[in-house]
Amino acid sequence: MPVLVEQFVVVGSDSDARQAAELWRFIPKAFETYYGIRDPAEIQRRAQAEIPIDRILHGWPIGTEPEIHIKAIDRLFDSGATIVNVHAGQSDQKRVIDFYRSQVMPGLKPRPGAARR
């Protein structure tokens, strides 16, 4: 049975990561607490009050060194994930796509039967 994991990433600085994390701060409680709240401003207010920014950033590969990202993705596959969806939380999506295409994907360990997209 496939095991799908979503990995948030930031190709940039700690400042870029903090900006991205502010936008995705609700994620840890999205399905357990916030799913019934219809007002996005209320979700954001509660997330800011309840979830420390460092909790959001924990586990995100952050930086412009390919090795940081390669290790994080390989670690997920090594733990049993069969599909890893990379979620770029930052506003410059093209930067992340180009970086992963040219510098991260070629460095990942080959996996028998795995398709790369």
PDB file of N, CA and C in Angstrom:
ATOM      1  N   MET A   1       0.839  -1.172   0.000  1.00  0.00           N
ATOM      2  CA  MET A   1       0.000   0.000   0.000  1.00  0.00           C
ATOM      3  C   MET A   1       0.896   1.251   0.000  1.00  0.00           C
ATOM      4  N   PRO A   2       0.619   2.220  -0.838  1.00  0.00           N
ATOM      5  CA  PRO A   2       1.437   3.430  -0.891  1.00  0.00           C
ATOM      6  C   PRO A   2       1.391   4.206   0.432  1.00  0.00           C
ATOM      7  N   VAL A   3       2.522   4.820   0.765  1.00  0.00           N
ATOM      8  CA  VAL A   3       2.621   5.685   1.938  1.00  0.00           C
ATOM      9  C   VAL A   3       3.027   7.063   1.432  1.00  0.00           C
ATOM     10  N   LEU A   4       2.087   7.993   1.477  1.00  0.00           N
ATOM     11  CA  LEU A   4       2.310   9.337   0.956  1.00  0.00           C
ATOM     12  C   LEU A   4       2.667  10.280   2.096  1.00  0.00           C
ATOM     13  N   VAL A   5       3.706  11.085   1.889  1.00  0.00           N
ATOM     14  CA  VAL A   5       4.151  12.073   2.862  1.00  0.00           C
ATOM     15  C   VAL A   5       4.255  13.423   2.155  1.00  0.00           C
ATOM     16  N   GLU A   6       3.859  14.477   2.847  1.00  0.00           N
ATOM     17  CA  GLU A   6       4.025  15.833   2.314  1.00  0.00           C
ATOM     18  C   GLU A   6       5.158  16.497   3.072  1.00  0.00           C
ATOM     19  N   GLN A   7       6.139  17.018   2.345  1.00  0.00           N
ATOM     20  CA  GLN A   7       7.281  17.685   2.948  1.00  0.00           C
ATOM     21  C   GLN A   7       7.286  19.150   2.529  1.00  0.00           C
ATOM     22  N   PHE A   8       7.123  20.044   3.501  1.00  0.00           N
ATOM     23  CA  PHE A   8       7.270  21.469   3.229  1.00  0.00           C
ATOM     24  C   PHE A   8       8.753  21.774   3.105  1.00  0.00           C
ATOM     25  N   VAL A   9       9.110  22.642   2.171  1.00  0.00           N
ATOM     26  CA  VAL A   9      10.500  23.025   1.948  1.00  0.00           C
ATOM     27  C   VAL A   9      10.574  24.529   1.699  1.00  0.00           C
ATOM     28  N   VAL A  10      11.754  25.080   1.966  1.00  0.00           N
ATOM     29  CA  VAL A  10      12.030  26.475   1.611  1.00  0.00           C
ATOM     30  C   VAL A  10      13.414  26.534   0.994  1.00  0.00           C
ATOM     31  N   VAL A  11      13.479  27.054  -0.208  1.00  0.00           N
ATOM     32  CA  VAL A  11      14.747  27.287  -0.877  1.00  0.00           C
ATOM     33  C   VAL A  11      15.041  28.769  -0.668  1.00  0.00           C
ATOM     34  N   GLY A  12      15.814  29.029   0.376  1.00  0.00           N
ATOM     35  CA  GLY A  12      16.101  30.410   0.741  1.00  0.00           C
ATOM     36  C   GLY A  12      16.607  30.490   2.161  1.00  0.00           C
ATOM     37  N   SER A  13      16.435  31.654   2.756  1.00  0.00           N
ATOM     38  CA  SER A  13      16.981  31.959   4.075  1.00  0.00           C
ATOM     39  C   SER A  13      15.994  31.627   5.194  1.00  0.00           C
ATOM     40  N   ASP A  14      16.458  31.755   6.431  1.00  0.00           N
ATOM     41  CA  ASP A  14      15.571  31.582   7.588  1.00  0.00           C
ATOM     42  C   ASP A  14      14.446  32.607   7.560  1.00  0.00           C
ATOM     43  N   SER A  15      14.748  33.796   7.081  1.00  0.00           N
ATOM     44  CA  SER A  15      13.709  34.839   6.963  1.00  0.00           C
ATOM     45  C   SER A  15      12.638  34.416   5.959  1.00  0.00           C
ATOM     46  N   ASP A  16      13.054  33.854   4.825  1.00  0.00           N
ATOM     47  CA  ASP A  16      12.105  33.339   3.832  1.00  0.00           C
ATOM     48  C   ASP A  16      11.241  32.243   4.451  1.00  0.00           C
ATOM     49  N   ALA A  17      11.874  31.391   5.261  1.00  0.00           N
ATOM     50  CA  ALA A  17      11.153  30.289   5.893  1.00  0.00           C
ATOM     51  C   ALA A  17      10.119  30.809   6.885  1.00  0.00           C
ATOM     52  N   ARG A  18      10.473  31.808   7.666  1.00  0.00           N
ATOM     53  CA  ARG A  18       9.520  32.365   8.638  1.00  0.00           C
ATOM     54  C   ARG A  18       8.322  32.998   7.926  1.00  0.00           C
ATOM     55  N   GLN A  19       8.571  33.671   6.816  1.00  0.00           N
ATOM     56  CA  GLN A  19       7.461  34.255   6.041  1.00  0.00           C
ATOM     57  C   GLN A  19       6.545  33.153   5.520  1.00  0.00           C
ATOM     58  N   ALA A  20       7.126  32.081   5.020  1.00  0.00           N
ATOM     59  CA  ALA A  20       6.322  30.965   4.511  1.00  0.00           C
ATOM     60  C   ALA A  20       5.550  30.301   5.642  1.00  0.00           C
ATOM     61  N   ALA A  21       6.202  30.119   6.777  1.00  0.00           N
ATOM     62  CA  ALA A  21       5.550  29.447   7.910  1.00  0.00           C
ATOM     63  C   ALA A  21       4.359  30.240   8.422  1.00  0.00           C
ATOM     64  N   GLU A  22       4.422  31.552   8.345  1.00  0.00           N
ATOM     65  CA  GLU A  22       3.270  32.369   8.768  1.00  0.00           C
ATOM     66  C   GLU A  22       2.035  32.043   7.922  1.00  0.00           C
ATOM     67  N   LEU A  23       2.241  31.773   6.637  1.00  0.00           N
ATOM     68  CA  LEU A  23       1.126  31.448   5.749  1.00  0.00           C
ATOM     69  C   LEU A  23       0.553  30.056   6.014  1.00  0.00           C
ATOM     70  N   TRP A  24       1.382  29.159   6.532  1.00  0.00           N
ATOM     71  CA  TRP A  24       0.971  27.761   6.727  1.00  0.00           C
ATOM     72  C   TRP A  24       0.897  27.389   8.199  1.00  0.00           C
ATOM     73  N   ARG A  25       0.779  28.374   9.052  1.00  0.00           N
ATOM     74  CA  ARG A  25       0.806  28.165  10.495  1.00  0.00           C
ATOM     75  C   ARG A  25      -0.341  27.274  10.986  1.00  0.00           C
ATOM     76  N   PHE A  26      -1.432  27.243  10.285  1.00  0.00           N
ATOM     77  CA  PHE A  26      -2.607  26.481  10.707  1.00  0.00           C
ATOM     78  C   PHE A  26      -2.471  24.975  10.469  1.00  0.00           C
ATOM     79  N   ILE A  27      -1.502  24.542   9.682  1.00  0.00           N
ATOM     80  CA  ILE A  27      -1.399  23.150   9.240  1.00  0.00           C
ATOM     81  C   ILE A  27      -1.436  22.128  10.390  1.00  0.00           C
ATOM     82  N   PRO A  28      -0.684  22.304  11.500  1.00  0.00           N
ATOM     83  CA  PRO A  28      -0.713  21.256  12.527  1.00  0.00           C
ATOM     84  C   PRO A  28      -2.098  20.980  13.126  1.00  0.00           C
ATOM     85  N   LYS A  29      -2.985  21.952  13.076  1.00  0.00           N
ATOM     86  CA  LYS A  29      -4.317  21.752  13.646  1.00  0.00           C
ATOM     87  C   LYS A  29      -5.422  21.835  12.592  1.00  0.00           C
ATOM     88  N   ALA A  30      -5.040  21.824  11.337  1.00  0.00           N
ATOM     89  CA  ALA A  30      -6.007  22.030  10.259  1.00  0.00           C
ATOM     90  C   ALA A  30      -7.154  21.030  10.294  1.00  0.00           C
ATOM     91  N   PHE A  31      -6.841  19.773  10.527  1.00  0.00           N
ATOM     92  CA  PHE A  31      -7.873  18.746  10.432  1.00  0.00           C
ATOM     93  C   PHE A  31      -8.429  18.329  11.786  1.00  0.00           C
ATOM     94  N   GLU A  32      -7.730  18.658  12.864  1.00  0.00           N
ATOM     95  CA  GLU A  32      -8.229  18.256  14.172  1.00  0.00           C
ATOM     96  C   GLU A  32      -9.017  19.366  14.861  1.00  0.00           C
ATOM     97  N   THR A  33      -8.751  20.615  14.529  1.00  0.00           N
ATOM     98  CA  THR A  33      -9.361  21.725  15.255  1.00  0.00           C
ATOM     99  C   THR A  33     -10.015  22.762  14.354  1.00  0.00           C
ATOM    100  N   TYR A  34      -9.340  23.141  13.289  1.00  0.00           N
ATOM    101  CA  TYR A  34      -9.773  24.300  12.504  1.00  0.00           C
ATOM    102  C   TYR A  34     -10.720  23.968  11.358  1.00  0.00           C
ATOM    103  N   TYR A  35     -10.930  22.716  11.063  1.00  0.00           N
ATOM    104  CA  TYR A  35     -11.718  22.345   9.884  1.00  0.00           C
ATOM    105  C   TYR A  35     -13.146  22.884   9.914  1.00  0.00           C
ATOM    106  N   GLY A  36     -13.715  23.101  11.082  1.00  0.00           N
ATOM    107  CA  GLY A  36     -15.100  23.575  11.157  1.00  0.00           C
ATOM    108  C   GLY A  36     -15.244  25.084  11.201  1.00  0.00           C
ATOM    109  N   ILE A  37     -14.149  25.797  11.195  1.00  0.00           N
ATOM    110  CA  ILE A  37     -14.192  27.264  11.256  1.00  0.00           C
ATOM    111  C   ILE A  37     -14.286  27.802   9.834  1.00  0.00           C
ATOM    112  N   ARG A  38     -15.303  28.588   9.564  1.00  0.00           N
ATOM    113  CA  ARG A  38     -15.524  29.090   8.199  1.00  0.00           C
ATOM    114  C   ARG A  38     -14.766  30.377   7.893  1.00  0.00           C
ATOM    115  N   ASP A  39     -14.404  31.131   8.899  1.00  0.00           N
ATOM    116  CA  ASP A  39     -13.757  32.428   8.705  1.00  0.00           C
ATOM    117  C   ASP A  39     -12.232  32.261   8.683  1.00  0.00           C
ATOM    118  N   PRO A  40     -11.586  32.492   7.540  1.00  0.00           N
ATOM    119  CA  PRO A  40     -10.132  32.340   7.456  1.00  0.00           C
ATOM    120  C   PRO A  40      -9.377  33.261   8.420  1.00  0.00           C
ATOM    121  N   ALA A  41      -9.914  34.439   8.668  1.00  0.00           N
ATOM    122  CA  ALA A  41      -9.253  35.361   9.602  1.00  0.00           C
ATOM    123  C   ALA A  41      -9.259  34.773  11.016  1.00  0.00           C
ATOM    124  N   GLU A  42     -10.330  34.088  11.378  1.00  0.00           N
ATOM    125  CA  GLU A  42     -10.401  33.440  12.698  1.00  0.00           C
ATOM    126  C   GLU A  42      -9.415  32.278  12.785  1.00  0.00           C
ATOM    127  N   ILE A  43      -9.292  31.520  11.709  1.00  0.00           N
ATOM    128  CA  ILE A  43      -8.310  30.432  11.682  1.00  0.00           C
ATOM    129  C   ILE A  43      -6.911  31.001  11.874  1.00  0.00           C
ATOM    130  N   GLN A  44      -6.598  32.061  11.156  1.00  0.00           N
ATOM    131  CA  GLN A  44      -5.270  32.684  11.261  1.00  0.00           C
ATOM    132  C   GLN A  44      -5.039  33.219  12.670  1.00  0.00           C
ATOM    133  N   ARG A  45      -6.031  33.878  13.250  1.00  0.00           N
ATOM    134  CA  ARG A  45      -5.896  34.439  14.597  1.00  0.00           C
ATOM    135  C   ARG A  45      -5.609  33.328  15.607  1.00  0.00           C
ATOM    136  N   ARG A  46      -6.375  32.263  15.520  1.00  0.00           N
ATOM    137  CA  ARG A  46      -6.187  31.145  16.455  1.00  0.00           C
ATOM    138  C   ARG A  46      -4.843  30.465  16.247  1.00  0.00           C
ATOM    139  N   ALA A  47      -4.462  30.266  15.004  1.00  0.00           N
ATOM    140  CA  ALA A  47      -3.171  29.623  14.728  1.00  0.00           C
ATOM    141  C   ALA A  47      -2.021  30.459  15.278  1.00  0.00           C
ATOM    142  N   GLN A  48      -2.087  31.774  15.113  1.00  0.00           N
ATOM    143  CA  GLN A  48      -1.028  32.642  15.631  1.00  0.00           C
ATOM    144  C   GLN A  48      -0.949  32.570  17.149  1.00  0.00           C
ATOM    145  N   ALA A  49      -2.083  32.428  17.804  1.00  0.00           N
ATOM    146  CA  ALA A  49      -2.117  32.368  19.265  1.00  0.00           C
ATOM    147  C   ALA A  49      -1.728  30.985  19.799  1.00  0.00           C
ATOM    148  N   GLU A  50      -2.000  29.934  19.045  1.00  0.00           N
ATOM    149  CA  GLU A  50      -1.860  28.578  19.563  1.00  0.00           C
ATOM    150  C   GLU A  50      -0.626  27.806  19.085  1.00  0.00           C
ATOM    151  N   ILE A  51      -0.054  28.206  17.950  1.00  0.00           N
ATOM    152  CA  ILE A  51       1.019  27.389  17.360  1.00  0.00           C
ATOM    153  C   ILE A  51       2.291  28.239  17.205  1.00  0.00           C
ATOM    154  N   PRO A  52       3.322  27.927  17.966  1.00  0.00           N
ATOM    155  CA  PRO A  52       4.582  28.666  17.829  1.00  0.00           C
ATOM    156  C   PRO A  52       5.193  28.453  16.435  1.00  0.00           C
ATOM    157  N   ILE A  53       5.784  29.502  15.906  1.00  0.00           N
ATOM    158  CA  ILE A  53       6.346  29.453  14.560  1.00  0.00           C
ATOM    159  C   ILE A  53       7.435  28.372  14.444  1.00  0.00           C
ATOM    160  N   ASP A  54       8.189  28.147  15.513  1.00  0.00           N
ATOM    161  CA  ASP A  54       9.235  27.119  15.465  1.00  0.00           C
ATOM    162  C   ASP A  54       8.647  25.719  15.313  1.00  0.00           C
ATOM    163  N   ARG A  55       7.423  25.513  15.780  1.00  0.00           N
ATOM    164  CA  ARG A  55       6.767  24.214  15.593  1.00  0.00           C
ATOM    165  C   ARG A  55       6.468  23.980  14.112  1.00  0.00           C
ATOM    166  N   ILE A  56       6.137  25.039  13.409  1.00  0.00           N
ATOM    167  CA  ILE A  56       5.861  24.924  11.975  1.00  0.00           C
ATOM    168  C   ILE A  56       7.151  24.603  11.221  1.00  0.00           C
ATOM    169  N   LEU A  57       8.212  25.288  11.560  1.00  0.00           N
ATOM    170  CA  LEU A  57       9.475  25.136  10.837  1.00  0.00           C
ATOM    171  C   LEU A  57      10.205  23.838  11.141  1.00  0.00           C
ATOM    172  N   HIS A  58       9.881  23.207  12.262  1.00  0.00           N
ATOM    173  CA  HIS A  58      10.562  21.970  12.650  1.00  0.00           C
ATOM    174  C   HIS A  58      10.393  20.911  11.547  1.00  0.00           C
ATOM    175  N   GLY A  59      11.505  20.437  11.040  1.00  0.00           N
ATOM    176  CA  GLY A  59      11.461  19.394  10.020  1.00  0.00           C
ATOM    177  C   GLY A  59      11.445  19.900   8.585  1.00  0.00           C
ATOM    178  N   TRP A  60      11.318  21.214   8.399  1.00  0.00           N
ATOM    179  CA  TRP A  60      11.368  21.757   7.037  1.00  0.00           C
ATOM    180  C   TRP A  60      12.827  21.870   6.616  1.00  0.00           C
ATOM    181  N   PRO A  61      13.227  21.315   5.476  1.00  0.00           N
ATOM    182  CA  PRO A  61      14.551  21.635   4.956  1.00  0.00           C
ATOM    183  C   PRO A  61      14.549  23.086   4.471  1.00  0.00           C
ATOM    184  N   ILE A  62      15.500  23.858   4.974  1.00  0.00           N
ATOM    185  CA  ILE A  62      15.578  25.291   4.667  1.00  0.00           C
ATOM    186  C   ILE A  62      16.998  25.588   4.222  1.00  0.00           C
ATOM    187  N   GLY A  63      17.136  26.221   3.081  1.00  0.00           N
ATOM    188  CA  GLY A  63      18.452  26.640   2.622  1.00  0.00           C
ATOM    189  C   GLY A  63      18.588  26.499   1.124  1.00  0.00           C
ATOM    190  N   THR A  64      19.766  26.872   0.659  1.00  0.00           N
ATOM    191  CA  THR A  64      20.049  26.810  -0.772  1.00  0.00           C
ATOM    192  C   THR A  64      21.114  25.756  -1.097  1.00  0.00           C
ATOM    193  N   GLU A  65      21.472  24.954  -0.102  1.00  0.00           N
ATOM    194  CA  GLU A  65      22.399  23.850  -0.332  1.00  0.00           C
ATOM    195  C   GLU A  65      21.590  22.603  -0.686  1.00  0.00           C
ATOM    196  N   PRO A  66      21.823  22.023  -1.844  1.00  0.00           N
ATOM    197  CA  PRO A  66      21.052  20.845  -2.254  1.00  0.00           C
ATOM    198  C   PRO A  66      21.100  19.708  -1.231  1.00  0.00           C
ATOM    199  N   GLU A  67      22.232  19.533  -0.558  1.00  0.00           N
ATOM    200  CA  GLU A  67      22.400  18.416   0.374  1.00  0.00           C
ATOM    201  C   GLU A  67      21.362  18.442   1.495  1.00  0.00           C
ATOM    202  N   ILE A  68      20.985  19.632   1.956  1.00  0.00           N
ATOM    203  CA  ILE A  68      19.987  19.761   3.017  1.00  0.00           C
ATOM    204  C   ILE A  68      18.670  19.134   2.554  1.00  0.00           C
ATOM    205  N   HIS A  69      18.275  19.436   1.343  1.00  0.00           N
ATOM    206  CA  HIS A  69      17.014  18.960   0.789  1.00  0.00           C
ATOM    207  C   HIS A  69      17.095  17.475   0.410  1.00  0.00           C
ATOM    208  N   ILE A  70      18.212  17.079  -0.166  1.00  0.00           N
ATOM    209  CA  ILE A  70      18.393  15.673  -0.555  1.00  0.00           C
ATOM    210  C   ILE A  70      18.310  14.775   0.671  1.00  0.00           C
ATOM    211  N   LYS A  71      18.993  15.137   1.742  1.00  0.00           N
ATOM    212  CA  LYS A  71      18.966  14.332   2.966  1.00  0.00           C
ATOM    213  C   LYS A  71      17.558  14.222   3.529  1.00  0.00           C
ATOM    214  N   ALA A  72      16.818  15.322   3.521  1.00  0.00           N
ATOM    215  CA  ALA A  72      15.453  15.305   4.068  1.00  0.00           C
ATOM    216  C   ALA A  72      14.540  14.383   3.263  1.00  0.00           C
ATOM    217  N   ILE A  73      14.623  14.454   1.945  1.00  0.00           N
ATOM    218  CA  ILE A  73      13.763  13.623   1.091  1.00  0.00           C
ATOM    219  C   ILE A  73      14.187  12.153   1.186  1.00  0.00           C
ATOM    220  N   ASP A  74      15.493  11.890   1.129  1.00  0.00           N
ATOM    221  CA  ASP A  74      15.963  10.509   1.253  1.00  0.00           C
ATOM    222  C   ASP A  74      15.559   9.918   2.602  1.00  0.00           C
ATOM    223  N   ARG A  75      15.619  10.700   3.659  1.00  0.00           N
ATOM    224  CA  ARG A  75      15.232  10.224   4.992  1.00  0.00           C
ATOM    225  C   ARG A  75      13.765   9.775   5.006  1.00  0.00           C
ATOM    226  N   LEU A  76      12.911  10.518   4.323  1.00  0.00           N
ATOM    227  CA  LEU A  76      11.497  10.132   4.259  1.00  0.00           C
ATOM    228  C   LEU A  76      11.316   8.808   3.522  1.00  0.00           C
ATOM    229  N   PHE A  77      11.984   8.670   2.388  1.00  0.00           N
ATOM    230  CA  PHE A  77      11.896   7.400   1.657  1.00  0.00           C
ATOM    231  C   PHE A  77      12.483   6.255   2.491  1.00  0.00           C
ATOM    232  N   ASP A  78      13.600   6.513   3.154  1.00  0.00           N
ATOM    233  CA  ASP A  78      14.226   5.471   3.977  1.00  0.00           C
ATOM    234  C   ASP A  78      13.333   5.053   5.140  1.00  0.00           C
ATOM    235  N   SER A  79      12.451   5.949   5.592  1.00  0.00           N
ATOM    236  CA  SER A  79      11.567   5.633   6.714  1.00  0.00           C
ATOM    237  C   SER A  79      10.337   4.829   6.284  1.00  0.00           C
ATOM    238  N   GLY A  80      10.157   4.660   4.963  1.00  0.00           N
ATOM    239  CA  GLY A  80       9.046   3.852   4.480  1.00  0.00           C
ATOM    240  C   GLY A  80       8.078   4.573   3.560  1.00  0.00           C
ATOM    241  N   ALA A  81       8.247   5.866   3.386  1.00  0.00           N
ATOM    242  CA  ALA A  81       7.380   6.589   2.444  1.00  0.00           C
ATOM    243  C   ALA A  81       7.636   6.060   1.035  1.00  0.00           C
ATOM    244  N   THR A  82       6.571   5.943   0.256  1.00  0.00           N
ATOM    245  CA  THR A  82       6.720   5.527  -1.136  1.00  0.00           C
ATOM    246  C   THR A  82       6.466   6.685  -2.094  1.00  0.00           C
ATOM    247  N   ILE A  83       5.809   7.722  -1.606  1.00  0.00           N
ATOM    248  CA  ILE A  83       5.549   8.938  -2.389  1.00  0.00           C
ATOM    249  C   ILE A  83       5.845  10.125  -1.481  1.00  0.00           C
ATOM    250  N   VAL A  84       6.657  11.056  -1.958  1.00  0.00           N
ATOM    251  CA  VAL A  84       6.931  12.282  -1.211  1.00  0.00           C
ATOM    252  C   VAL A  84       6.484  13.458  -2.068  1.00  0.00           C
ATOM    253  N   ASN A  85       5.483  14.162  -1.580  1.00  0.00           N
ATOM    254  CA  ASN A  85       5.044  15.399  -2.240  1.00  0.00           C
ATOM    255  C   ASN A  85       5.798  16.557  -1.623  1.00  0.00           C
ATOM    256  N   VAL A  86       6.483  17.317  -2.461  1.00  0.00           N
ATOM    257  CA  VAL A  86       7.225  18.477  -1.988  1.00  0.00           C
ATOM    258  C   VAL A  86       6.301  19.685  -2.063  1.00  0.00           C
ATOM    259  N   HIS A  87       6.141  20.345  -0.927  1.00  0.00           N
ATOM    260  CA  HIS A  87       5.262  21.513  -0.826  1.00  0.00           C
ATOM    261  C   HIS A  87       6.140  22.730  -0.571  1.00  0.00           C
ATOM    262  N   ALA A  88       6.195  23.608  -1.544  1.00  0.00           N
ATOM    263  CA  ALA A  88       6.966  24.842  -1.394  1.00  0.00           C
ATOM    264  C   ALA A  88       6.069  25.900  -0.765  1.00  0.00           C
ATOM    265  N   GLY A  89       6.313  26.188   0.493  1.00  0.00           N
ATOM    266  CA  GLY A  89       5.488  27.145   1.203  1.00  0.00           C
ATOM    267  C   GLY A  89       5.780  28.593   0.860  1.00  0.00           C
ATOM    268  N   GLN A  90       6.835  28.845   0.155  1.00  0.00           N
ATOM    269  CA  GLN A  90       7.246  30.218  -0.133  1.00  0.00           C
ATOM    270  C   GLN A  90       6.564  30.758  -1.384  1.00  0.00           C
ATOM    271  N   SER A  91       6.643  32.059  -1.546  1.00  0.00           N
ATOM    272  CA  SER A  91       5.939  32.689  -2.669  1.00  0.00           C
ATOM    273  C   SER A  91       6.636  32.445  -4.016  1.00  0.00           C
ATOM    274  N   ASP A  92       7.956  32.300  -4.026  1.00  0.00           N
ATOM    275  CA  ASP A  92       8.684  32.107  -5.283  1.00  0.00           C
ATOM    276  C   ASP A  92       8.714  30.619  -5.649  1.00  0.00           C
ATOM    277  N   GLN A  93       7.622  30.148  -6.213  1.00  0.00           N
ATOM    278  CA  GLN A  93       7.476  28.744  -6.575  1.00  0.00           C
ATOM    279  C   GLN A  93       8.444  28.324  -7.675  1.00  0.00           C
ATOM    280  N   LYS A  94       8.693  29.197  -8.625  1.00  0.00           N
ATOM    281  CA  LYS A  94       9.588  28.859  -9.728  1.00  0.00           C
ATOM    282  C   LYS A  94      10.999  28.571  -9.219  1.00  0.00           C
ATOM    283  N   ARG A  95      11.436  29.332  -8.239  1.00  0.00           N
ATOM    284  CA  ARG A  95      12.767  29.097  -7.659  1.00  0.00           C
ATOM    285  C   ARG A  95      12.866  27.674  -7.100  1.00  0.00           C
ATOM    286  N   VAL A  96      11.844  27.242  -6.401  1.00  0.00           N
ATOM    287  CA  VAL A  96      11.837  25.905  -5.797  1.00  0.00           C
ATOM    288  C   VAL A  96      11.801  24.831  -6.886  1.00  0.00           C
ATOM    289  N   ILE A  97      10.936  24.999  -7.864  1.00  0.00           N
ATOM    290  CA  ILE A  97      10.818  24.019  -8.942  1.00  0.00           C
ATOM    291  C   ILE A  97      12.139  23.879  -9.693  1.00  0.00           C
ATOM    292  N   ASP A  98      12.737  24.998 -10.048  1.00  0.00           N
ATOM    293  CA  ASP A  98      14.016  24.956 -10.779  1.00  0.00           C
ATOM    294  C   ASP A  98      15.119  24.323  -9.926  1.00  0.00           C
ATOM    295  N   PHE A  99      15.173  24.678  -8.662  1.00  0.00           N
ATOM    296  CA  PHE A  99      16.183  24.142  -7.746  1.00  0.00           C
ATOM    297  C   PHE A  99      16.031  22.628  -7.583  1.00  0.00           C
ATOM    298  N   TYR A 100      14.813  22.177  -7.360  1.00  0.00           N
ATOM    299  CA  TYR A 100      14.587  20.739  -7.191  1.00  0.00           C
ATOM    300  C   TYR A 100      14.859  19.983  -8.489  1.00  0.00           C
ATOM    301  N   ARG A 101      14.448  20.538  -9.613  1.00  0.00           N
ATOM    302  CA  ARG A 101      14.678  19.868 -10.897  1.00  0.00           C
ATOM    303  C   ARG A 101      16.168  19.732 -11.188  1.00  0.00           C
ATOM    304  N   SER A 102      16.919  20.806 -10.973  1.00  0.00           N
ATOM    305  CA  SER A 102      18.320  20.800 -11.395  1.00  0.00           C
ATOM    306  C   SER A 102      19.292  20.312 -10.320  1.00  0.00           C
ATOM    307  N   GLN A 103      18.952  20.467  -9.024  1.00  0.00           N
ATOM    308  CA  GLN A 103      19.944  20.188  -7.996  1.00  0.00           C
ATOM    309  C   GLN A 103      19.542  19.125  -6.973  1.00  0.00           C
ATOM    310  N   VAL A 104      18.268  18.930  -6.754  1.00  0.00           N
ATOM    311  CA  VAL A 104      17.842  17.961  -5.743  1.00  0.00           C
ATOM    312  C   VAL A 104      17.504  16.610  -6.370  1.00  0.00           C
ATOM    313  N   MET A 105      16.640  16.602  -7.347  1.00  0.00           N
ATOM    314  CA  MET A 105      16.208  15.339  -7.960  1.00  0.00           C
ATOM    315  C   MET A 105      17.389  14.494  -8.451  1.00  0.00           C
ATOM    316  N   PRO A 106      18.372  15.078  -9.126  1.00  0.00           N
ATOM    317  CA  PRO A 106      19.495  14.248  -9.586  1.00  0.00           C
ATOM    318  C   PRO A 106      20.309  13.638  -8.437  1.00  0.00           C
ATOM    319  N   GLY A 107      20.236  14.225  -7.247  1.00  0.00           N
ATOM    320  CA  GLY A 107      21.023  13.734  -6.121  1.00  0.00           C
ATOM    321  C   GLY A 107      20.321  12.729  -5.237  1.00  0.00           C
ATOM    322  N   LEU A 108      19.038  12.463  -5.489  1.00  0.00           N
ATOM    323  CA  LEU A 108      18.313  11.494  -4.668  1.00  0.00           C
ATOM    324  C   LEU A 108      18.780  10.079  -4.966  1.00  0.00           C
ATOM    325  N   LYS A 109      18.723   9.240  -3.935  1.00  0.00           N
ATOM    326  CA  LYS A 109      19.102   7.838  -4.120  1.00  0.00           C
ATOM    327  C   LYS A 109      18.164   7.181  -5.109  1.00  0.00           C
ATOM    328  N   PRO A 110      18.670   6.338  -6.005  1.00  0.00           N
ATOM    329  CA  PRO A 110      17.790   5.582  -6.892  1.00  0.00           C
ATOM    330  C   PRO A 110      16.957   4.598  -6.071  1.00  0.00           C
ATOM    331  N   ARG A 111      15.706   4.451  -6.426  1.00  0.00           N
ATOM    332  CA  ARG A 111      14.811   3.548  -5.718  1.00  0.00           C
ATOM    333  C   ARG A 111      14.151   2.641  -6.762  1.00  0.00           C
ATOM    334  N   PRO A 112      14.300   1.330  -6.599  1.00  0.00           N
ATOM    335  CA  PRO A 112      13.696   0.407  -7.554  1.00  0.00           C
ATOM    336  C   PRO A 112      12.179   0.625  -7.648  1.00  0.00           C
ATOM    337  N   GLY A 113      11.689   0.755  -8.861  1.00  0.00           N
ATOM    338  CA  GLY A 113      10.256   0.899  -9.095  1.00  0.00           C
ATOM    339  C   GLY A 113       9.702   2.284  -8.818  1.00  0.00           C
ATOM    340  N   ALA A 114      10.537   3.205  -8.400  1.00  0.00           N
ATOM    341  CA  ALA A 114      10.044   4.548  -8.082  1.00  0.00           C
ATOM    342  C   ALA A 114      10.033   5.402  -9.347  1.00  0.00           C
ATOM    343  N   ALA A 115       8.953   6.141  -9.511  1.00  0.00           N
ATOM    344  CA  ALA A 115       8.846   7.071 -10.645  1.00  0.00           C
ATOM    345  C   ALA A 115       9.151   8.466 -10.134  1.00  0.00           C
ATOM    346  N   ARG A 116       9.943   9.196 -10.871  1.00  0.00           N
ATOM    347  CA  ARG A 116      10.258  10.583 -10.511  1.00  0.00           C
ATOM    348  C   ARG A 116       9.519  11.510 -11.437  1.00  0.00           C
ATOM    349  N   ARG A 117       8.887  12.513 -10.856  1.00  0.00           N
ATOM    350  CA  ARG A 117       8.161  13.495 -11.676  1.00  0.00           C
ATOM    351  C   ARG A 117       8.634  14.876 -11.360  1.00  0.00           C
TER     352      ARG A 117
END
